[in-house]
Amino acid sequence: MSLCCRVCRIELKDNDCVVLDDFGVLRHHHCYDYENYQEFVDSVGKFENVRGKFPRFLLNVYKEVIAMGDNRSKEDISDEEVLATLAYTLGYLD
């Protein structure tokens, strides 16, 4: 099963230039609507380098959620802690 661009529905290839937005959606660079949605761009690059990234916006949201639950400051929570918490919650870790 391969990933396809959310706009043109064509399979994304490793060398395709893609845009990852704040919502975790991948699109071809030439398919992205920069005119109306520039502020939502998280990463731009080759698909092989961008896939698997977690948008900064979502990392910050999860940091706030973890901070509220643990009565801590979100600045004290690392990206790695967020990813580990998500992996554990989703059942990827024991």
C-alpha atoms as a PDB file:
ATOM      1  CA  MET A   1       0.000   0.000   0.000  1.00  0.00           C
ATOM      2  CA  SER A   2       1.451   3.335  -1.028  1.00  0.00           C
ATOM      3  CA  LEU A   3       0.768   6.924  -0.040  1.00  0.00           C
ATOM      4  CA  CYS A   4      -0.922   9.168  -2.557  1.00  0.00           C
ATOM      5  CA  CYS A   5      -1.134  12.934  -2.854  1.00  0.00           C
ATOM      6  CA  ARG A   6      -4.350  14.167  -1.236  1.00  0.00           C
ATOM      7  CA  VAL A   7      -5.028  16.455  -4.200  1.00  0.00           C
ATOM      8  CA  CYS A   8      -4.169  14.598  -7.411  1.00  0.00           C
ATOM      9  CA  ARG A   9      -4.346  11.059  -5.904  1.00  0.00           C
ATOM     10  CA  ILE A  10      -1.108  10.045  -7.646  1.00  0.00           C
ATOM     11  CA  GLU A  11       1.299   7.838  -5.693  1.00  0.00           C
ATOM     12  CA  LEU A  12       4.110   9.751  -3.963  1.00  0.00           C
ATOM     13  CA  LYS A  13       7.585   8.640  -5.058  1.00  0.00           C
ATOM     14  CA  ASP A  14      10.787   9.007  -3.005  1.00  0.00           C
ATOM     15  CA  ASN A  15      12.152  11.832  -5.184  1.00  0.00           C
ATOM     16  CA  ASP A  16       8.881  13.812  -5.388  1.00  0.00           C
ATOM     17  CA  CYS A  17       8.950  17.238  -3.759  1.00  0.00           C
ATOM     18  CA  VAL A  18       6.153  17.220  -1.167  1.00  0.00           C
ATOM     19  CA  VAL A  19       4.563  19.439   1.467  1.00  0.00           C
ATOM     20  CA  LEU A  20       3.684  18.181   4.950  1.00  0.00           C
ATOM     21  CA  ASP A  21       1.097  20.415   6.607  1.00  0.00           C
ATOM     22  CA  ASP A  22       0.274  20.937  10.274  1.00  0.00           C
ATOM     23  CA  PHE A  23      -2.401  18.263  10.074  1.00  0.00           C
ATOM     24  CA  GLY A  24      -0.024  15.552   8.881  1.00  0.00           C
ATOM     25  CA  VAL A  25      -1.284  15.585   5.281  1.00  0.00           C
ATOM     26  CA  LEU A  26       1.176  15.064   2.419  1.00  0.00           C
ATOM     27  CA  ARG A  27       0.726  16.655  -1.003  1.00  0.00           C
ATOM     28  CA  HIS A  28       2.910  17.191  -4.035  1.00  0.00           C
ATOM     29  CA  HIS A  29       4.608  20.586  -3.883  1.00  0.00           C
ATOM     30  CA  HIS A  30       2.907  21.621  -7.125  1.00  0.00           C
ATOM     31  CA  CYS A  31      -0.515  20.521  -5.800  1.00  0.00           C
ATOM     32  CA  TYR A  32      -0.378  22.509  -2.551  1.00  0.00           C
ATOM     33  CA  ASP A  33      -2.499  25.696  -2.375  1.00  0.00           C
ATOM     34  CA  TYR A  34       0.149  28.095  -1.053  1.00  0.00           C
ATOM     35  CA  GLU A  35      -1.991  31.141  -1.807  1.00  0.00           C
ATOM     36  CA  ASN A  36      -4.599  30.204   0.799  1.00  0.00           C
ATOM     37  CA  TYR A  37      -2.770  27.848   3.175  1.00  0.00           C
ATOM     38  CA  GLN A  38       0.853  29.010   3.458  1.00  0.00           C
ATOM     39  CA  GLU A  39       0.605  29.299   7.256  1.00  0.00           C
ATOM     40  CA  PHE A  40      -0.120  25.566   7.616  1.00  0.00           C
ATOM     41  CA  VAL A  41       3.093  24.356   5.922  1.00  0.00           C
ATOM     42  CA  ASP A  42       5.261  22.372   8.329  1.00  0.00           C
ATOM     43  CA  SER A  43       7.907  20.835   6.036  1.00  0.00           C
ATOM     44  CA  VAL A  44       8.820  20.848   2.365  1.00  0.00           C
ATOM     45  CA  GLY A  45      11.251  18.400   0.797  1.00  0.00           C
ATOM     46  CA  LYS A  46      11.727  15.087  -0.936  1.00  0.00           C
ATOM     47  CA  PHE A  47       9.145  12.505   0.049  1.00  0.00           C
ATOM     48  CA  GLU A  48      11.854  10.123   1.282  1.00  0.00           C
ATOM     49  CA  ASN A  49      12.981  12.794   3.799  1.00  0.00           C
ATOM     50  CA  VAL A  50       9.581  14.123   4.854  1.00  0.00           C
ATOM     51  CA  ARG A  51       7.571  10.914   5.307  1.00  0.00           C
ATOM     52  CA  GLY A  52       7.478   9.726   8.876  1.00  0.00           C
ATOM     53  CA  LYS A  53       7.902  13.242  10.269  1.00  0.00           C
ATOM     54  CA  PHE A  54       5.463  14.424  12.866  1.00  0.00           C
ATOM     55  CA  PRO A  55       4.261  18.012  12.295  1.00  0.00           C
ATOM     56  CA  ARG A  56       5.615  20.545  14.813  1.00  0.00           C
ATOM     57  CA  PHE A  57       2.080  21.837  15.412  1.00  0.00           C
ATOM     58  CA  LEU A  58       0.874  18.403  16.582  1.00  0.00           C
ATOM     59  CA  LEU A  59       3.965  17.885  18.747  1.00  0.00           C
ATOM     60  CA  ASN A  60       3.182  21.153  20.534  1.00  0.00           C
ATOM     61  CA  VAL A  61      -0.463  20.197  21.026  1.00  0.00           C
ATOM     62  CA  TYR A  62       0.506  16.834  22.542  1.00  0.00           C
ATOM     63  CA  LYS A  63       3.076  18.564  24.780  1.00  0.00           C
ATOM     64  CA  GLU A  64       0.272  20.741  26.151  1.00  0.00           C
ATOM     65  CA  VAL A  65      -1.943  17.698  26.762  1.00  0.00           C
ATOM     66  CA  ILE A  66       0.830  15.784  28.546  1.00  0.00           C
ATOM     67  CA  ALA A  67       1.739  18.872  30.581  1.00  0.00           C
ATOM     68  CA  MET A  68      -1.858  19.323  31.751  1.00  0.00           C
ATOM     69  CA  GLY A  69      -2.131  15.666  32.745  1.00  0.00           C
ATOM     70  CA  ASP A  70       1.179  15.662  34.617  1.00  0.00           C
ATOM     71  CA  ASN A  71       0.882  19.192  36.045  1.00  0.00           C
ATOM     72  CA  ARG A  72       4.142  20.211  34.314  1.00  0.00           C
ATOM     73  CA  SER A  73       5.278  22.911  31.956  1.00  0.00           C
ATOM     74  CA  LYS A  74       5.155  22.003  28.245  1.00  0.00           C
ATOM     75  CA  GLU A  75       8.721  23.355  27.916  1.00  0.00           C
ATOM     76  CA  ASP A  76       9.873  20.492  30.182  1.00  0.00           C
ATOM     77  CA  ILE A  77       8.562  17.861  27.748  1.00  0.00           C
ATOM     78  CA  SER A  78      10.846  16.716  24.936  1.00  0.00           C
ATOM     79  CA  ASP A  79       9.784  15.670  21.455  1.00  0.00           C
ATOM     80  CA  GLU A  80      11.061  12.176  22.252  1.00  0.00           C
ATOM     81  CA  GLU A  81       8.803  11.957  25.316  1.00  0.00           C
ATOM     82  CA  VAL A  82       5.790  12.905  23.180  1.00  0.00           C
ATOM     83  CA  LEU A  83       6.616  10.293  20.550  1.00  0.00           C
ATOM     84  CA  ALA A  84       7.220   7.627  23.210  1.00  0.00           C
ATOM     85  CA  THR A  85       3.918   8.469  24.931  1.00  0.00           C
ATOM     86  CA  LEU A  86       2.052   8.241  21.634  1.00  0.00           C
ATOM     87  CA  ALA A  87       3.740   4.946  20.766  1.00  0.00           C
ATOM     88  CA  TYR A  88       2.817   3.510  24.167  1.00  0.00           C
ATOM     89  CA  THR A  89      -0.769   4.818  23.961  1.00  0.00           C
ATOM     90  CA  LEU A  90      -1.241   3.365  20.485  1.00  0.00           C
ATOM     91  CA  GLY A  91       0.099   0.009  21.625  1.00  0.00           C
ATOM     92  CA  TYR A  92       3.449   0.063  19.807  1.00  0.00           C
ATOM     93  CA  LEU A  93       5.359  -0.346  23.077  1.00  0.00           C
ATOM     94  CA  ASP A  94       4.717  -2.599  26.034  1.00  0.00           C
END
